[in-house]
Structure formats: structure tokens, C-alpha cells
Amino acid sequence: MTESRRVSIRSADEIAMARRAGKLAADVLQMIAEHVKPGVTTDELDKLCHDYIVKVQQAIPANIGYHGYPKTICASLNHVICHGIPADKKLKNGDILNIDVAIIKDGWFGDTSRMYFVGEPGILAKRLVRTTYDAMRAGILQVRPGATLGDVGHAIQTVAQREGFSVVREYCGHGIGQIYHDAPQVTHYGRPGEGLRLEAGMVFTIEPMINAGKAAVRHLPDGWTVVTKDRSLSAQWEHMVAVTESGFEVLTPWPDGYGDYAPILPG
């Protein structure tokens, strides 16, 4: 069986359920933004997100207990690439932080992440965060029926490497719906024209992790936290995307708009 046959093609009603879950996940990241400041711990941010999901959204925090993960969010700080476990360490001025959240609403998963600046970041940190966003955006703009996942990965890789940054290869985007991590795997590097050919109704995440230094990673003894081997800064953004008949739809749009970042809109 080919990968294209294993990848679910969603109906309009199913995409509506994924859209609802995606919006709720994005709302969590908007809610927490004002709380990301010097002196706050990532554990405090985690509790705020947990209570918002459970009490306000009446949804389920998808990460708690997933393969044994203990918290609601992943909080990846500075040289942490992904899966940072919230703890009692306080944020300080100049830090950069990725918060990755997933929720379940009526059996459907929403999954998204954003970068946050703590106080005033340095020049390199700003450039890395913006470049990583631009790389994600470039990948999303490739999404349309008939395009390939190689087109998506190549666009991401091109933006990152143009700025002298490197793409983490050990982790990728993924199909999502009623299963958290489903087919297809969406790599953030590739060759144009290669890989799975996209069809309307596919739903997946695009979530590049870009390092300021080399791409090599190191896993910490906690079994979750992944850091840059050279301790260089790392950044990540993530959106859920549906392939439409004419292009794409971002299923995790930011409630507050794009701010200083370039919009991600179908052509």
C-alpha cells in the first residue's frame, strides 16, 4: 500500500472538527502570551494553560500521559529544541521560549506552537525566530493539490540555510485528526517533486525546528528534552494545515492576527 492510500482524506465535516480543535489550541497560546515575562516559571505557565484548557475550553490536555509525558505544554527554552518539560526555573530577560500545546475536543486533536520573547532578546535570537517563522510560512505556501511534501520541505530548508541556520532532521510534522501523530510524516527538508503527492482533504502539521548553529541534537536523561549539541539557540513554530481544492487552510490561526510577521494566506 502506498503512503498516499494510508493518509486520511477528510470530509468537510471532519475538517470542521479539526478546525474547531485547532482554534482552541491557538487560543491557549494567545491566552498565555501576557504571562511570558521575566520571573515567571515554565511550571506556572503550564498550570495556567492546563486550567484554561480544562475549565474554560472544557477540553482535554492531549500531552498529559502521552507516552508518559507529565505536563500540559512543552516549554522549550533557548537551546532546547523540543519537548522541554515545564519546571521551576524562572524565565529571564533575553530568553526565547517555544510553547507547544495540544488539546482534544470531542475526539479531535488540535496542535500548535509559537515562539515568545522574554523581555528584550538579542539580535541573533530575533533573527533566528523570524527566520524560523518565515521557513514555516514558505513551507505552508507550497501546500496545494498536486504539490509534494518534498516541495514543502525544500522551501523550509531553503529559507533556513539562506540565513546560515540548520534544520533539525530527527523530528517532523505529522498527520493529525482523531489520532495525535498520524501519517504522513512531514519532513522540513527535501527535494522538489519528491515524496507524497498532496490531495485535498489531507490534514497535517508543519513545524520546523531551526538551529542557529549545527543541526546535531542531544537527548537529556529525562527521556524527553532535546537540546542542540553545540548549545546554540533553537526555534520552532507549528501550524495545522488542511489541503483544500485550491490550496491550503491554516487550522490554527492566531486570534490576535499576524502582528509583525508576514501573513500566511492562500495565493
C-alpha atoms as a PDB file:
ATOM      1  CA  MET A   1       0.000   0.000   0.000  1.00  0.00           C
ATOM      2  CA  THR A   2       1.357   3.429  -0.913  1.00  0.00           C
ATOM      3  CA  GLU A   3       1.654   6.188   1.647  1.00  0.00           C
ATOM      4  CA  SER A   4      -0.976   8.267  -0.183  1.00  0.00           C
ATOM      5  CA  ARG A   5      -3.523   5.485   0.491  1.00  0.00           C
ATOM      6  CA  ARG A   6      -2.643   5.374   4.176  1.00  0.00           C
ATOM      7  CA  VAL A   7      -3.099   9.131   4.626  1.00  0.00           C
ATOM      8  CA  SER A   8      -6.664  10.021   5.591  1.00  0.00           C
ATOM      9  CA  ILE A   9      -8.691  12.195   3.246  1.00  0.00           C
ATOM     10  CA  ARG A  10     -11.034  14.221   5.401  1.00  0.00           C
ATOM     11  CA  SER A  11     -14.592  15.232   4.622  1.00  0.00           C
ATOM     12  CA  ALA A  12     -15.787  18.815   5.065  1.00  0.00           C
ATOM     13  CA  ASP A  13     -17.434  17.836   8.354  1.00  0.00           C
ATOM     14  CA  GLU A  14     -14.235  16.214   9.618  1.00  0.00           C
ATOM     15  CA  ILE A  15     -12.158  19.247   8.677  1.00  0.00           C
ATOM     16  CA  ALA A  16     -14.656  21.386  10.578  1.00  0.00           C
ATOM     17  CA  MET A  17     -13.965  19.298  13.700  1.00  0.00           C
ATOM     18  CA  ALA A  18     -10.205  19.615  13.174  1.00  0.00           C
ATOM     19  CA  ARG A  19     -10.629  23.361  12.645  1.00  0.00           C
ATOM     20  CA  ARG A  20     -12.507  23.685  15.931  1.00  0.00           C
ATOM     21  CA  ALA A  21      -9.803  21.800  17.833  1.00  0.00           C
ATOM     22  CA  GLY A  22      -7.061  23.774  16.109  1.00  0.00           C
ATOM     23  CA  LYS A  23      -8.665  27.075  17.027  1.00  0.00           C
ATOM     24  CA  LEU A  24      -8.867  26.054  20.677  1.00  0.00           C
ATOM     25  CA  ALA A  25      -5.166  25.147  20.712  1.00  0.00           C
ATOM     26  CA  ALA A  26      -4.299  28.503  19.153  1.00  0.00           C
ATOM     27  CA  ASP A  27      -6.460  30.274  21.735  1.00  0.00           C
ATOM     28  CA  VAL A  28      -4.362  28.722  24.517  1.00  0.00           C
ATOM     29  CA  LEU A  29      -1.185  30.203  23.039  1.00  0.00           C
ATOM     30  CA  GLN A  30      -2.820  33.608  22.751  1.00  0.00           C
ATOM     31  CA  MET A  31      -4.046  33.451  26.359  1.00  0.00           C
ATOM     32  CA  ILE A  32      -0.617  32.625  27.762  1.00  0.00           C
ATOM     33  CA  ALA A  33       1.275  35.337  25.864  1.00  0.00           C
ATOM     34  CA  GLU A  34       0.828  38.064  28.500  1.00  0.00           C
ATOM     35  CA  HIS A  35       2.173  35.751  31.205  1.00  0.00           C
ATOM     36  CA  VAL A  36       5.509  35.081  29.471  1.00  0.00           C
ATOM     37  CA  LYS A  37       7.795  37.532  31.281  1.00  0.00           C
ATOM     38  CA  PRO A  38      10.911  37.577  33.454  1.00  0.00           C
ATOM     39  CA  GLY A  39      10.499  35.889  36.835  1.00  0.00           C
ATOM     40  CA  VAL A  40       7.734  33.512  35.792  1.00  0.00           C
ATOM     41  CA  THR A  41       8.471  29.775  35.782  1.00  0.00           C
ATOM     42  CA  THR A  42       7.525  27.443  32.954  1.00  0.00           C
ATOM     43  CA  ASP A  43       5.673  25.351  35.534  1.00  0.00           C
ATOM     44  CA  GLU A  44       3.467  28.353  36.303  1.00  0.00           C
ATOM     45  CA  LEU A  45       2.799  28.763  32.574  1.00  0.00           C
ATOM     46  CA  ASP A  46       1.927  25.076  32.370  1.00  0.00           C
ATOM     47  CA  LYS A  47      -0.640  25.344  35.170  1.00  0.00           C
ATOM     48  CA  LEU A  48      -2.269  28.375  33.553  1.00  0.00           C
ATOM     49  CA  CYS A  49      -2.578  26.505  30.251  1.00  0.00           C
ATOM     50  CA  HIS A  50      -3.916  23.393  31.966  1.00  0.00           C
ATOM     51  CA  ASP A  51      -6.602  25.280  33.848  1.00  0.00           C
ATOM     52  CA  TYR A  52      -7.623  27.249  30.748  1.00  0.00           C
ATOM     53  CA  ILE A  53      -7.994  24.081  28.651  1.00  0.00           C
ATOM     54  CA  VAL A  54      -9.922  22.167  31.312  1.00  0.00           C
ATOM     55  CA  LYS A  55     -12.035  24.884  32.933  1.00  0.00           C
ATOM     56  CA  VAL A  56     -12.609  27.437  30.155  1.00  0.00           C
ATOM     57  CA  GLN A  57     -12.439  25.352  26.979  1.00  0.00           C
ATOM     58  CA  GLN A  58     -13.787  22.186  28.619  1.00  0.00           C
ATOM     59  CA  ALA A  59     -11.283  20.261  26.547  1.00  0.00           C
ATOM     60  CA  ILE A  60      -8.620  17.678  27.341  1.00  0.00           C
ATOM     61  CA  PRO A  61      -4.873  18.471  27.531  1.00  0.00           C
ATOM     62  CA  ALA A  62      -3.546  15.969  24.983  1.00  0.00           C
ATOM     63  CA  ASN A  63       0.046  15.847  26.199  1.00  0.00           C
ATOM     64  CA  ILE A  64      -0.573  14.685  29.770  1.00  0.00           C
ATOM     65  CA  GLY A  65       0.232  10.993  29.896  1.00  0.00           C
ATOM     66  CA  TYR A  66       1.103  10.772  26.197  1.00  0.00           C
ATOM     67  CA  HIS A  67       3.833   8.100  26.216  1.00  0.00           C
ATOM     68  CA  GLY A  68       4.284   9.111  29.850  1.00  0.00           C
ATOM     69  CA  TYR A  69       4.757  12.863  29.310  1.00  0.00           C
ATOM     70  CA  PRO A  70       3.909  14.588  32.622  1.00  0.00           C
ATOM     71  CA  LYS A  71       2.746  18.088  31.658  1.00  0.00           C
ATOM     72  CA  THR A  72       0.231  20.066  29.595  1.00  0.00           C
ATOM     73  CA  ILE A  73       2.679  22.022  27.445  1.00  0.00           C
ATOM     74  CA  CYS A  74       6.165  21.552  26.112  1.00  0.00           C
ATOM     75  CA  ALA A  75       8.219  24.596  27.125  1.00  0.00           C
ATOM     76  CA  SER A  76      11.468  24.699  25.143  1.00  0.00           C
ATOM     77  CA  LEU A  77      13.827  27.437  26.251  1.00  0.00           C
ATOM     78  CA  ASN A  78      16.818  28.866  24.351  1.00  0.00           C
ATOM     79  CA  HIS A  79      18.948  25.860  23.274  1.00  0.00           C
ATOM     80  CA  VAL A  80      16.143  23.360  23.899  1.00  0.00           C
ATOM     81  CA  ILE A  81      14.886  22.160  20.525  1.00  0.00           C
ATOM     82  CA  CYS A  82      11.689  20.462  21.655  1.00  0.00           C
ATOM     83  CA  HIS A  83       9.872  18.572  24.431  1.00  0.00           C
ATOM     84  CA  GLY A  84      11.153  20.771  27.249  1.00  0.00           C
ATOM     85  CA  ILE A  85       9.367  19.761  30.464  1.00  0.00           C
ATOM     86  CA  PRO A  86       7.976  22.699  32.481  1.00  0.00           C
ATOM     87  CA  ALA A  87       9.864  23.185  35.736  1.00  0.00           C
ATOM     88  CA  ASP A  88      10.582  25.715  38.473  1.00  0.00           C
ATOM     89  CA  LYS A  89      13.348  27.595  36.647  1.00  0.00           C
ATOM     90  CA  LYS A  90      12.435  31.261  36.236  1.00  0.00           C
ATOM     91  CA  LEU A  91      12.453  32.969  32.866  1.00  0.00           C
ATOM     92  CA  LYS A  92      14.959  35.775  32.476  1.00  0.00           C
ATOM     93  CA  ASN A  93      15.296  38.790  30.228  1.00  0.00           C
ATOM     94  CA  GLY A  94      16.549  37.834  26.762  1.00  0.00           C
ATOM     95  CA  ASP A  95      15.267  34.249  26.794  1.00  0.00           C
ATOM     96  CA  ILE A  96      13.377  32.816  23.846  1.00  0.00           C
ATOM     97  CA  LEU A  97      10.679  30.243  24.556  1.00  0.00           C
ATOM     98  CA  ASN A  98       8.645  27.859  22.435  1.00  0.00           C
ATOM     99  CA  ILE A  99       5.343  26.727  23.898  1.00  0.00           C
ATOM    100  CA  ASP A 100       3.792  23.714  22.191  1.00  0.00           C
ATOM    101  CA  VAL A 101       0.259  22.752  23.158  1.00  0.00           C
ATOM    102  CA  ALA A 102      -2.185  20.087  22.051  1.00  0.00           C
ATOM    103  CA  ILE A 103      -5.807  19.661  23.061  1.00  0.00           C
ATOM    104  CA  ILE A 104      -8.565  17.153  22.417  1.00  0.00           C
ATOM    105  CA  LYS A 105     -12.111  18.357  21.806  1.00  0.00           C
ATOM    106  CA  ASP A 106     -14.847  15.836  21.054  1.00  0.00           C
ATOM    107  CA  GLY A 107     -12.238  13.306  19.993  1.00  0.00           C
ATOM    108  CA  TRP A 108     -10.299  15.626  17.639  1.00  0.00           C
ATOM    109  CA  PHE A 109      -6.781  16.906  18.230  1.00  0.00           C
ATOM    110  CA  GLY A 110      -5.547  20.475  17.885  1.00  0.00           C
ATOM    111  CA  ASP A 111      -1.764  21.011  17.917  1.00  0.00           C
ATOM    112  CA  THR A 112       0.254  24.205  17.519  1.00  0.00           C
ATOM    113  CA  SER A 113       3.260  26.090  18.870  1.00  0.00           C
ATOM    114  CA  ARG A 114       4.589  29.647  18.997  1.00  0.00           C
ATOM    115  CA  MET A 115       7.777  31.435  19.939  1.00  0.00           C
ATOM    116  CA  TYR A 116       7.822  34.057  22.688  1.00  0.00           C
ATOM    117  CA  PHE A 117      10.404  36.651  23.637  1.00  0.00           C
ATOM    118  CA  VAL A 118      11.071  37.153  27.339  1.00  0.00           C
ATOM    119  CA  GLY A 119      11.873  40.825  27.718  1.00  0.00           C
ATOM    120  CA  GLU A 120      14.306  42.047  25.061  1.00  0.00           C
ATOM    121  CA  PRO A 121      16.055  39.308  23.052  1.00  0.00           C
ATOM    122  CA  GLY A 122      19.413  39.613  21.333  1.00  0.00           C
ATOM    123  CA  ILE A 123      19.914  40.259  17.626  1.00  0.00           C
ATOM    124  CA  LEU A 124      20.700  36.625  16.800  1.00  0.00           C
ATOM    125  CA  ALA A 125      17.685  35.384  18.733  1.00  0.00           C
ATOM    126  CA  LYS A 126      15.368  37.769  16.881  1.00  0.00           C
ATOM    127  CA  ARG A 127      16.792  36.752  13.515  1.00  0.00           C
ATOM    128  CA  LEU A 128      16.506  33.037  14.307  1.00  0.00           C
ATOM    129  CA  VAL A 129      12.908  33.311  15.490  1.00  0.00           C
ATOM    130  CA  ARG A 130      11.832  35.339  12.448  1.00  0.00           C
ATOM    131  CA  THR A 131      13.695  33.094  10.030  1.00  0.00           C
ATOM    132  CA  THR A 132      12.068  30.004  11.537  1.00  0.00           C
ATOM    133  CA  TYR A 133       8.653  31.598  11.122  1.00  0.00           C
ATOM    134  CA  ASP A 134       9.478  32.554   7.542  1.00  0.00           C
ATOM    135  CA  ALA A 135      10.615  28.980   6.876  1.00  0.00           C
ATOM    136  CA  MET A 136       7.346  27.562   8.219  1.00  0.00           C
ATOM    137  CA  ARG A 137       5.416  30.079   6.142  1.00  0.00           C
ATOM    138  CA  ALA A 138       7.371  29.189   2.994  1.00  0.00           C
ATOM    139  CA  GLY A 139       6.539  25.536   3.540  1.00  0.00           C
ATOM    140  CA  ILE A 140       2.838  26.212   4.086  1.00  0.00           C
ATOM    141  CA  LEU A 141       2.662  28.333   0.932  1.00  0.00           C
ATOM    142  CA  GLN A 142       3.707  25.265  -1.076  1.00  0.00           C
ATOM    143  CA  VAL A 143       0.649  23.307   0.055  1.00  0.00           C
ATOM    144  CA  ARG A 144      -1.857  22.610  -2.714  1.00  0.00           C
ATOM    145  CA  PRO A 145      -3.259  19.566  -4.512  1.00  0.00           C
ATOM    146  CA  GLY A 146      -0.580  18.072  -6.756  1.00  0.00           C
ATOM    147  CA  ALA A 147       2.353  19.521  -4.806  1.00  0.00           C
ATOM    148  CA  THR A 148       4.598  17.140  -2.882  1.00  0.00           C
ATOM    149  CA  LEU A 149       5.951  17.001   0.638  1.00  0.00           C
ATOM    150  CA  GLY A 150       9.370  17.400  -0.978  1.00  0.00           C
ATOM    151  CA  ASP A 151       8.241  20.817  -2.224  1.00  0.00           C
ATOM    152  CA  VAL A 152       7.243  21.744   1.337  1.00  0.00           C
ATOM    153  CA  GLY A 153      10.491  20.538   2.899  1.00  0.00           C
ATOM    154  CA  HIS A 154      12.662  22.134   0.243  1.00  0.00           C
ATOM    155  CA  ALA A 155      11.019  25.532   0.754  1.00  0.00           C
ATOM    156  CA  ILE A 156      11.633  25.341   4.516  1.00  0.00           C
ATOM    157  CA  GLN A 157      15.228  24.189   4.120  1.00  0.00           C
ATOM    158  CA  THR A 158      15.985  26.914   1.583  1.00  0.00           C
ATOM    159  CA  VAL A 159      14.888  29.732   3.892  1.00  0.00           C
ATOM    160  CA  ALA A 160      16.782  28.361   6.897  1.00  0.00           C
ATOM    161  CA  GLN A 161      20.025  27.681   5.062  1.00  0.00           C
ATOM    162  CA  ARG A 162      19.928  31.019   3.263  1.00  0.00           C
ATOM    163  CA  GLU A 163      20.354  32.641   6.688  1.00  0.00           C
ATOM    164  CA  GLY A 164      23.151  30.282   7.721  1.00  0.00           C
ATOM    165  CA  PHE A 165      20.932  28.235  10.035  1.00  0.00           C
ATOM    166  CA  SER A 166      20.379  24.460  10.112  1.00  0.00           C
ATOM    167  CA  VAL A 167      17.273  22.270  10.024  1.00  0.00           C
ATOM    168  CA  VAL A 168      16.762  19.602  12.675  1.00  0.00           C
ATOM    169  CA  ARG A 169      16.126  16.307  10.865  1.00  0.00           C
ATOM    170  CA  GLU A 170      15.200  13.980  13.717  1.00  0.00           C
ATOM    171  CA  TYR A 171      11.715  15.480  14.181  1.00  0.00           C
ATOM    172  CA  CYS A 172       8.981  16.269  11.695  1.00  0.00           C
ATOM    173  CA  GLY A 173       5.408  17.336  11.195  1.00  0.00           C
ATOM    174  CA  HIS A 174       2.658  14.742  11.114  1.00  0.00           C
ATOM    175  CA  GLY A 175      -0.849  13.894  10.100  1.00  0.00           C
ATOM    176  CA  ILE A 176      -3.428  14.708  12.757  1.00  0.00           C
ATOM    177  CA  GLY A 177      -7.124  14.224  13.349  1.00  0.00           C
ATOM    178  CA  GLN A 178      -8.578  11.667  15.738  1.00  0.00           C
ATOM    179  CA  ILE A 179      -5.035  10.351  16.126  1.00  0.00           C
ATOM    180  CA  TYR A 180      -2.388  12.698  17.573  1.00  0.00           C
ATOM    181  CA  HIS A 181       0.540  11.622  15.378  1.00  0.00           C
ATOM    182  CA  ASP A 182      -0.627  10.007  12.154  1.00  0.00           C
ATOM    183  CA  ALA A 183       0.579   9.605   8.578  1.00  0.00           C
ATOM    184  CA  PRO A 184       2.129  11.343   6.768  1.00  0.00           C
ATOM    185  CA  GLN A 185       5.479  12.343   8.223  1.00  0.00           C
ATOM    186  CA  VAL A 186       6.232  15.889   7.100  1.00  0.00           C
ATOM    187  CA  THR A 187       9.983  16.455   6.962  1.00  0.00           C
ATOM    188  CA  HIS A 188      11.331  20.006   6.944  1.00  0.00           C
ATOM    189  CA  TYR A 189      13.891  19.337   4.237  1.00  0.00           C
ATOM    190  CA  GLY A 190      13.593  17.664   0.857  1.00  0.00           C
ATOM    191  CA  ARG A 191      13.770  17.863  -2.904  1.00  0.00           C
ATOM    192  CA  PRO A 192      11.152  19.462  -5.145  1.00  0.00           C
ATOM    193  CA  GLY A 193       8.817  16.947  -6.736  1.00  0.00           C
ATOM    194  CA  GLU A 194       9.691  14.113  -4.376  1.00  0.00           C
ATOM    195  CA  GLY A 195       7.635  12.490  -1.637  1.00  0.00           C
ATOM    196  CA  LEU A 196       3.915  12.164  -1.040  1.00  0.00           C
ATOM    197  CA  ARG A 197       1.717  13.995  -3.543  1.00  0.00           C
ATOM    198  CA  LEU A 198      -0.837  16.132  -1.733  1.00  0.00           C
ATOM    199  CA  GLU A 199      -4.589  15.769  -2.137  1.00  0.00           C
ATOM    200  CA  ALA A 200      -7.480  17.912  -0.962  1.00  0.00           C
ATOM    201  CA  GLY A 201      -8.675  16.722   2.453  1.00  0.00           C
ATOM    202  CA  MET A 202      -5.275  15.874   3.910  1.00  0.00           C
ATOM    203  CA  VAL A 203      -4.575  17.446   7.318  1.00  0.00           C
ATOM    204  CA  PHE A 204      -1.119  17.656   8.879  1.00  0.00           C
ATOM    205  CA  THR A 205       1.226  19.870  10.868  1.00  0.00           C
ATOM    206  CA  ILE A 206       4.202  21.832   9.575  1.00  0.00           C
ATOM    207  CA  GLU A 207       6.568  22.574  12.473  1.00  0.00           C
ATOM    208  CA  PRO A 208      10.205  23.250  11.551  1.00  0.00           C
ATOM    209  CA  MET A 209      12.866  23.303  14.255  1.00  0.00           C
ATOM    210  CA  ILE A 210      15.772  25.518  13.204  1.00  0.00           C
ATOM    211  CA  ASN A 211      19.114  25.831  14.997  1.00  0.00           C
ATOM    212  CA  ALA A 212      21.373  28.880  14.968  1.00  0.00           C
ATOM    213  CA  GLY A 213      24.370  26.519  14.943  1.00  0.00           C
ATOM    214  CA  LYS A 214      24.716  22.959  13.718  1.00  0.00           C
ATOM    215  CA  ALA A 215      21.802  20.566  13.298  1.00  0.00           C
ATOM    216  CA  ALA A 216      23.086  17.910  15.722  1.00  0.00           C
ATOM    217  CA  VAL A 217      20.871  17.131  18.724  1.00  0.00           C
ATOM    218  CA  ARG A 218      21.378  15.656  22.171  1.00  0.00           C
ATOM    219  CA  HIS A 219      18.795  13.940  24.369  1.00  0.00           C
ATOM    220  CA  LEU A 220      18.771  14.696  28.092  1.00  0.00           C
ATOM    221  CA  PRO A 221      18.450  11.933  30.708  1.00  0.00           C
ATOM    222  CA  ASP A 222      14.814  12.852  31.483  1.00  0.00           C
ATOM    223  CA  GLY A 223      13.874  10.962  28.320  1.00  0.00           C
ATOM    224  CA  TRP A 224      12.090  13.928  26.741  1.00  0.00           C
ATOM    225  CA  THR A 225      14.148  17.107  26.478  1.00  0.00           C
ATOM    226  CA  VAL A 226      16.081  17.527  23.222  1.00  0.00           C
ATOM    227  CA  VAL A 227      18.807  20.205  23.031  1.00  0.00           C
ATOM    228  CA  THR A 228      21.277  21.450  20.450  1.00  0.00           C
ATOM    229  CA  LYS A 229      24.514  19.526  20.769  1.00  0.00           C
ATOM    230  CA  ASP A 230      26.557  22.730  20.394  1.00  0.00           C
ATOM    231  CA  ARG A 231      24.217  24.643  22.780  1.00  0.00           C
ATOM    232  CA  SER A 232      23.259  27.098  20.060  1.00  0.00           C
ATOM    233  CA  LEU A 233      19.801  28.667  20.131  1.00  0.00           C
ATOM    234  CA  SER A 234      16.881  26.824  18.555  1.00  0.00           C
ATOM    235  CA  ALA A 235      13.424  27.980  17.465  1.00  0.00           C
ATOM    236  CA  GLN A 236      10.210  26.346  16.274  1.00  0.00           C
ATOM    237  CA  TRP A 237       6.776  27.338  15.010  1.00  0.00           C
ATOM    238  CA  GLU A 238       3.896  24.990  14.242  1.00  0.00           C
ATOM    239  CA  HIS A 239       0.591  25.220  12.423  1.00  0.00           C
ATOM    240  CA  MET A 240      -2.017  22.631  11.468  1.00  0.00           C
ATOM    241  CA  VAL A 241      -2.832  22.819   7.772  1.00  0.00           C
ATOM    242  CA  ALA A 242      -5.591  21.341   5.603  1.00  0.00           C
ATOM    243  CA  VAL A 243      -5.133  20.844   1.871  1.00  0.00           C
ATOM    244  CA  THR A 244      -8.077  22.462   0.073  1.00  0.00           C
ATOM    245  CA  GLU A 245      -9.239  22.140  -3.536  1.00  0.00           C
ATOM    246  CA  SER A 246      -7.295  25.278  -4.460  1.00  0.00           C
ATOM    247  CA  GLY A 247      -4.502  25.488  -1.884  1.00  0.00           C
ATOM    248  CA  PHE A 248      -4.493  25.328   1.906  1.00  0.00           C
ATOM    249  CA  GLU A 249      -6.225  26.449   5.079  1.00  0.00           C
ATOM    250  CA  VAL A 250      -4.358  27.141   8.330  1.00  0.00           C
ATOM    251  CA  LEU A 251      -6.439  25.423  11.018  1.00  0.00           C
ATOM    252  CA  THR A 252      -4.619  27.071  13.943  1.00  0.00           C
ATOM    253  CA  PRO A 253      -4.876  30.786  13.072  1.00  0.00           C
ATOM    254  CA  TRP A 254      -3.718  33.260  15.688  1.00  0.00           C
ATOM    255  CA  PRO A 255      -6.667  35.048  17.302  1.00  0.00           C
ATOM    256  CA  ASP A 256      -4.600  38.255  17.517  1.00  0.00           C
ATOM    257  CA  GLY A 257      -3.555  38.230  13.847  1.00  0.00           C
ATOM    258  CA  TYR A 258      -0.023  38.109  12.465  1.00  0.00           C
ATOM    259  CA  GLY A 259       1.436  41.157  14.186  1.00  0.00           C
ATOM    260  CA  ASP A 260       4.883  41.919  12.782  1.00  0.00           C
ATOM    261  CA  TYR A 261       5.061  38.600  10.921  1.00  0.00           C
ATOM    262  CA  ALA A 262       4.145  38.093   7.276  1.00  0.00           C
ATOM    263  CA  PRO A 263       0.591  36.768   6.803  1.00  0.00           C
ATOM    264  CA  ILE A 264       0.097  33.164   5.718  1.00  0.00           C
ATOM    265  CA  LEU A 265      -2.650  33.407   3.135  1.00  0.00           C
ATOM    266  CA  PRO A 266      -3.505  31.272   0.094  1.00  0.00           C
ATOM    267  CA  GLY A 267      -2.426  32.809  -3.196  1.00  0.00           C
END
